[in-house]
PDB file of all heavy atoms in Angstrom:
ATOM      1  N   ALA A   1       3.615   0.668  -3.253  1.00  0.00           N
ATOM      2  CA  ALA A   1       4.718   0.450  -4.180  1.00  0.00           C
ATOM      3  C   ALA A   1       5.128   1.797  -4.766  1.00  0.00           C
ATOM      4  O   ALA A   1       4.276   2.645  -5.025  1.00  0.00           O
ATOM      5  CB  ALA A   1       4.306  -0.496  -5.300  1.00  0.00           C
ATOM      6  N   PRO A   2       6.419   1.983  -4.978  1.00  0.00           N
ATOM      7  CA  PRO A   2       6.853   3.203  -5.651  1.00  0.00           C
ATOM      8  C   PRO A   2       6.480   3.143  -7.135  1.00  0.00           C
ATOM      9  O   PRO A   2       6.325   2.055  -7.698  1.00  0.00           O
ATOM     10  CB  PRO A   2       8.369   3.185  -5.475  1.00  0.00           C
ATOM     11  CG  PRO A   2       8.716   1.731  -5.388  1.00  0.00           C
ATOM     12  CD  PRO A   2       7.545   1.093  -4.692  1.00  0.00           C
ATOM     13  N   ASP A   3       6.340   4.304  -7.724  1.00  0.00           N
ATOM     14  CA  ASP A   3       6.080   4.356  -9.169  1.00  0.00           C
ATOM     15  C   ASP A   3       7.401   4.174  -9.906  1.00  0.00           C
ATOM     16  O   ASP A   3       8.387   4.831  -9.612  1.00  0.00           O
ATOM     17  CB  ASP A   3       5.459   5.707  -9.537  1.00  0.00           C
ATOM     18  CG  ASP A   3       5.102   5.760 -11.001  1.00  0.00           C
ATOM     19  OD1 ASP A   3       4.078   5.162 -11.378  1.00  0.00           O
ATOM     20  OD2 ASP A   3       5.849   6.410 -11.773  1.00  0.00           O
ATOM     21  N   VAL A   4       7.395   3.258 -10.870  1.00  0.00           N
ATOM     22  CA  VAL A   4       8.582   3.010 -11.682  1.00  0.00           C
ATOM     23  C   VAL A   4       8.155   3.132 -13.145  1.00  0.00           C
ATOM     24  O   VAL A   4       7.630   2.198 -13.736  1.00  0.00           O
ATOM     25  CB  VAL A   4       9.175   1.605 -11.404  1.00  0.00           C
ATOM     26  CG1 VAL A   4      10.394   1.367 -12.271  1.00  0.00           C
ATOM     27  CG2 VAL A   4       9.517   1.432  -9.921  1.00  0.00           C
ATOM     28  N   GLY A   5       8.305   4.343 -13.671  1.00  0.00           N
ATOM     29  CA  GLY A   5       7.961   4.562 -15.071  1.00  0.00           C
ATOM     30  C   GLY A   5       6.506   4.317 -15.403  1.00  0.00           C
ATOM     31  O   GLY A   5       6.191   3.809 -16.476  1.00  0.00           O
ATOM     32  N   GLY A   6       5.612   4.641 -14.470  1.00  0.00           N
ATOM     33  CA  GLY A   6       4.182   4.483 -14.721  1.00  0.00           C
ATOM     34  C   GLY A   6       3.609   3.129 -14.332  1.00  0.00           C
ATOM     35  O   GLY A   6       2.441   2.857 -14.570  1.00  0.00           O
ATOM     36  N   THR A   7       4.425   2.290 -13.705  1.00  0.00           N
ATOM     37  CA  THR A   7       3.937   1.009 -13.195  1.00  0.00           C
ATOM     38  C   THR A   7       4.427   0.856 -11.748  1.00  0.00           C
ATOM     39  O   THR A   7       5.402   1.487 -11.337  1.00  0.00           O
ATOM     40  CB  THR A   7       4.456  -0.179 -14.024  1.00  0.00           C
ATOM     41  OG1 THR A   7       5.889  -0.194 -13.971  1.00  0.00           O
ATOM     42  CG2 THR A   7       4.002  -0.099 -15.468  1.00  0.00           C
ATOM     43  N   PRO A   8       3.757   0.005 -10.956  1.00  0.00           N
ATOM     44  CA  PRO A   8       4.205  -0.155  -9.578  1.00  0.00           C
ATOM     45  C   PRO A   8       5.510  -0.936  -9.496  1.00  0.00           C
ATOM     46  O   PRO A   8       5.718  -1.897 -10.228  1.00  0.00           O
ATOM     47  CB  PRO A   8       3.056  -0.915  -8.913  1.00  0.00           C
ATOM     48  CG  PRO A   8       2.336  -1.598 -10.026  1.00  0.00           C
ATOM     49  CD  PRO A   8       2.534  -0.744 -11.237  1.00  0.00           C
ATOM     50  N   GLY A   9       6.373  -0.507  -8.572  1.00  0.00           N
ATOM     51  CA  GLY A   9       7.592  -1.246  -8.270  1.00  0.00           C
ATOM     52  C   GLY A   9       7.269  -2.353  -7.287  1.00  0.00           C
ATOM     53  O   GLY A   9       6.157  -2.887  -7.291  1.00  0.00           O
ATOM     54  N   ASP A  10       8.195  -2.661  -6.409  1.00  0.00           N
ATOM     55  CA  ASP A  10       7.993  -3.737  -5.442  1.00  0.00           C
ATOM     56  C   ASP A  10       7.004  -3.300  -4.357  1.00  0.00           C
ATOM     57  O   ASP A  10       7.152  -2.220  -3.771  1.00  0.00           O
ATOM     58  CB  ASP A  10       9.314  -4.117  -4.773  1.00  0.00           C
ATOM     59  CG  ASP A  10      10.281  -4.785  -5.741  1.00  0.00           C
ATOM     60  OD1 ASP A  10       9.813  -5.391  -6.729  1.00  0.00           O
ATOM     61  OD2 ASP A  10      11.488  -4.699  -5.499  1.00  0.00           O
ATOM     62  N   TRP A  11       6.019  -4.144  -4.103  1.00  0.00           N
ATOM     63  CA  TRP A  11       5.008  -3.867  -3.088  1.00  0.00           C
ATOM     64  C   TRP A  11       5.575  -4.171  -1.697  1.00  0.00           C
ATOM     65  O   TRP A  11       6.302  -5.139  -1.506  1.00  0.00           O
ATOM     66  CB  TRP A  11       3.777  -4.721  -3.313  1.00  0.00           C
ATOM     67  CG  TRP A  11       3.012  -4.342  -4.537  1.00  0.00           C
ATOM     68  CD1 TRP A  11       3.096  -4.926  -5.767  1.00  0.00           C
ATOM     69  CD2 TRP A  11       2.062  -3.282  -4.659  1.00  0.00           C
ATOM     70  NE1 TRP A  11       2.262  -4.300  -6.651  1.00  0.00           N
ATOM     71  CE2 TRP A  11       1.597  -3.279  -5.991  1.00  0.00           C
ATOM     72  CE3 TRP A  11       1.546  -2.339  -3.787  1.00  0.00           C
ATOM     73  CZ2 TRP A  11       0.649  -2.385  -6.458  1.00  0.00           C
ATOM     74  CZ3 TRP A  11       0.606  -1.444  -4.249  1.00  0.00           C
ATOM     75  CH2 TRP A  11       0.175  -1.474  -5.572  1.00  0.00           C
ATOM     76  N   ALA A  12       5.203  -3.323  -0.718  1.00  0.00           N
ATOM     77  CA  ALA A  12       5.605  -3.527   0.677  1.00  0.00           C
ATOM     78  C   ALA A  12       4.409  -3.236   1.572  1.00  0.00           C
ATOM     79  O   ALA A  12       3.676  -2.273   1.333  1.00  0.00           O
ATOM     80  CB  ALA A  12       6.752  -2.624   1.052  1.00  0.00           C
ATOM     81  N   ARG A  13       4.211  -4.036   2.586  1.00  0.00           N
ATOM     82  CA  ARG A  13       3.128  -3.782   3.538  1.00  0.00           C
ATOM     83  C   ARG A  13       3.490  -2.592   4.397  1.00  0.00           C
ATOM     84  O   ARG A  13       4.569  -2.547   4.991  1.00  0.00           O
ATOM     85  CB  ARG A  13       2.904  -5.009   4.409  1.00  0.00           C
ATOM     86  CG  ARG A  13       1.683  -4.861   5.310  1.00  0.00           C
ATOM     87  CD  ARG A  13       1.368  -6.129   6.045  1.00  0.00           C
ATOM     88  NE  ARG A  13       1.066  -7.201   5.099  1.00  0.00           N
ATOM     89  CZ  ARG A  13       1.129  -8.482   5.391  1.00  0.00           C
ATOM     90  NH1 ARG A  13       1.491  -8.876   6.596  1.00  0.00           N
ATOM     91  NH2 ARG A  13       0.852  -9.389   4.475  1.00  0.00           N
ATOM     92  N   VAL A  14       2.592  -1.596   4.452  1.00  0.00           N
ATOM     93  CA  VAL A  14       2.867  -0.384   5.228  1.00  0.00           C
ATOM     94  C   VAL A  14       1.942  -0.226   6.415  1.00  0.00           C
ATOM     95  O   VAL A  14       2.157   0.628   7.266  1.00  0.00           O
ATOM     96  CB  VAL A  14       2.832   0.885   4.348  1.00  0.00           C
ATOM     97  CG1 VAL A  14       3.964   0.831   3.320  1.00  0.00           C
ATOM     98  CG2 VAL A  14       1.486   1.035   3.658  1.00  0.00           C
ATOM     99  N   ALA A  15       0.879  -1.045   6.482  1.00  0.00           N
ATOM    100  CA  ALA A  15      -0.047  -0.948   7.623  1.00  0.00           C
ATOM    101  C   ALA A  15      -0.854  -2.234   7.722  1.00  0.00           C
ATOM    102  O   ALA A  15      -1.146  -2.883   6.721  1.00  0.00           O
ATOM    103  CB  ALA A  15      -0.995   0.232   7.459  1.00  0.00           C
ATOM    104  N   THR A  16      -1.188  -2.567   8.959  1.00  0.00           N
ATOM    105  CA  THR A  16      -2.154  -3.625   9.256  1.00  0.00           C
ATOM    106  C   THR A  16      -3.247  -2.961  10.070  1.00  0.00           C
ATOM    107  O   THR A  16      -2.963  -2.397  11.131  1.00  0.00           O
ATOM    108  CB  THR A  16      -1.506  -4.790  10.028  1.00  0.00           C
ATOM    109  OG1 THR A  16      -0.448  -5.328   9.230  1.00  0.00           O
ATOM    110  CG2 THR A  16      -2.528  -5.861  10.306  1.00  0.00           C
ATOM    111  N   LEU A  17      -4.466  -2.987   9.569  1.00  0.00           N
ATOM    112  CA  LEU A  17      -5.593  -2.301  10.203  1.00  0.00           C
ATOM    113  C   LEU A  17      -6.571  -3.303  10.775  1.00  0.00           C
ATOM    114  O   LEU A  17      -6.659  -4.430  10.295  1.00  0.00           O
ATOM    115  CB  LEU A  17      -6.307  -1.431   9.166  1.00  0.00           C
ATOM    116  CG  LEU A  17      -5.425  -0.473   8.366  1.00  0.00           C
ATOM    117  CD1 LEU A  17      -6.235   0.207   7.280  1.00  0.00           C
ATOM    118  CD2 LEU A  17      -4.772   0.540   9.285  1.00  0.00           C
ATOM    119  N   GLY A  18      -7.334  -2.870  11.754  1.00  0.00           N
ATOM    120  CA  GLY A  18      -8.344  -3.718  12.348  1.00  0.00           C
ATOM    121  C   GLY A  18      -9.594  -3.808  11.483  1.00  0.00           C
ATOM    122  O   GLY A  18      -9.744  -3.113  10.488  1.00  0.00           O
ATOM    123  N   ALA A  19     -10.506  -4.666  11.909  1.00  0.00           N
ATOM    124  CA  ALA A  19     -11.786  -4.843  11.215  1.00  0.00           C
ATOM    125  C   ALA A  19     -12.525  -3.524  11.116  1.00  0.00           C
ATOM    126  O   ALA A  19     -12.481  -2.693  12.028  1.00  0.00           O
ATOM    127  CB  ALA A  19     -12.633  -5.869  11.947  1.00  0.00           C
ATOM    128  N   ASN A  20     -13.183  -3.324   9.988  1.00  0.00           N
ATOM    129  CA  ASN A  20     -14.028  -2.134   9.736  1.00  0.00           C
ATOM    130  C   ASN A  20     -13.254  -0.820   9.676  1.00  0.00           C
ATOM    131  O   ASN A  20     -13.869   0.245   9.774  1.00  0.00           O
ATOM    132  CB  ASN A  20     -15.162  -2.057  10.744  1.00  0.00           C
ATOM    133  CG  ASN A  20     -16.042  -3.291  10.685  1.00  0.00           C
ATOM    134  OD1 ASN A  20     -16.413  -3.759   9.613  1.00  0.00           O
ATOM    135  ND2 ASN A  20     -16.344  -3.860  11.835  1.00  0.00           N
ATOM    136  N   ALA A  21     -11.961  -0.876   9.526  1.00  0.00           N
ATOM    137  CA  ALA A  21     -11.173   0.358   9.387  1.00  0.00           C
ATOM    138  C   ALA A  21     -11.589   1.084   8.105  1.00  0.00           C
ATOM    139  O   ALA A  21     -11.936   0.444   7.112  1.00  0.00           O
ATOM    140  CB  ALA A  21      -9.687   0.043   9.341  1.00  0.00           C
ATOM    141  N   VAL A  22     -11.592   2.384   8.156  1.00  0.00           N
ATOM    142  CA  VAL A  22     -11.994   3.170   6.980  1.00  0.00           C
ATOM    143  C   VAL A  22     -10.891   4.110   6.488  1.00  0.00           C
ATOM    144  O   VAL A  22     -11.061   4.767   5.476  1.00  0.00           O
ATOM    145  CB  VAL A  22     -13.285   3.981   7.260  1.00  0.00           C
ATOM    146  CG1 VAL A  22     -14.458   3.045   7.474  1.00  0.00           C
ATOM    147  CG2 VAL A  22     -13.104   4.908   8.436  1.00  0.00           C
ATOM    148  N   ARG A  23      -9.760   4.164   7.194  1.00  0.00           N
ATOM    149  CA  ARG A  23      -8.668   5.012   6.722  1.00  0.00           C
ATOM    150  C   ARG A  23      -7.343   4.533   7.337  1.00  0.00           C
ATOM    151  O   ARG A  23      -7.321   3.868   8.359  1.00  0.00           O
ATOM    152  CB  ARG A  23      -8.896   6.465   7.042  1.00  0.00           C
ATOM    153  CG  ARG A  23      -8.707   6.815   8.496  1.00  0.00           C
ATOM    154  CD  ARG A  23      -8.965   8.253   8.764  1.00  0.00           C
ATOM    155  NE  ARG A  23     -10.316   8.333   9.283  1.00  0.00           N
ATOM    156  CZ  ARG A  23     -10.806   9.342   9.915  1.00  0.00           C
ATOM    157  NH1 ARG A  23     -10.083  10.411  10.086  1.00  0.00           N
ATOM    158  NH2 ARG A  23     -12.017   9.336  10.379  1.00  0.00           N
ATOM    159  N   ALA A  24      -6.278   4.934   6.658  1.00  0.00           N
ATOM    160  CA  ALA A  24      -4.921   4.653   7.136  1.00  0.00           C
ATOM    161  C   ALA A  24      -4.073   5.879   6.851  1.00  0.00           C
ATOM    162  O   ALA A  24      -4.349   6.632   5.919  1.00  0.00           O
ATOM    163  CB  ALA A  24      -4.353   3.438   6.426  1.00  0.00           C
TER     164      ALA A  24
END
């Protein structure tokens, strides 16, 4: 989510990771 005055704006999915993933 973008920062909007110190709080999160609208959330958007940016990645779908497989099981046991440790980074994106």
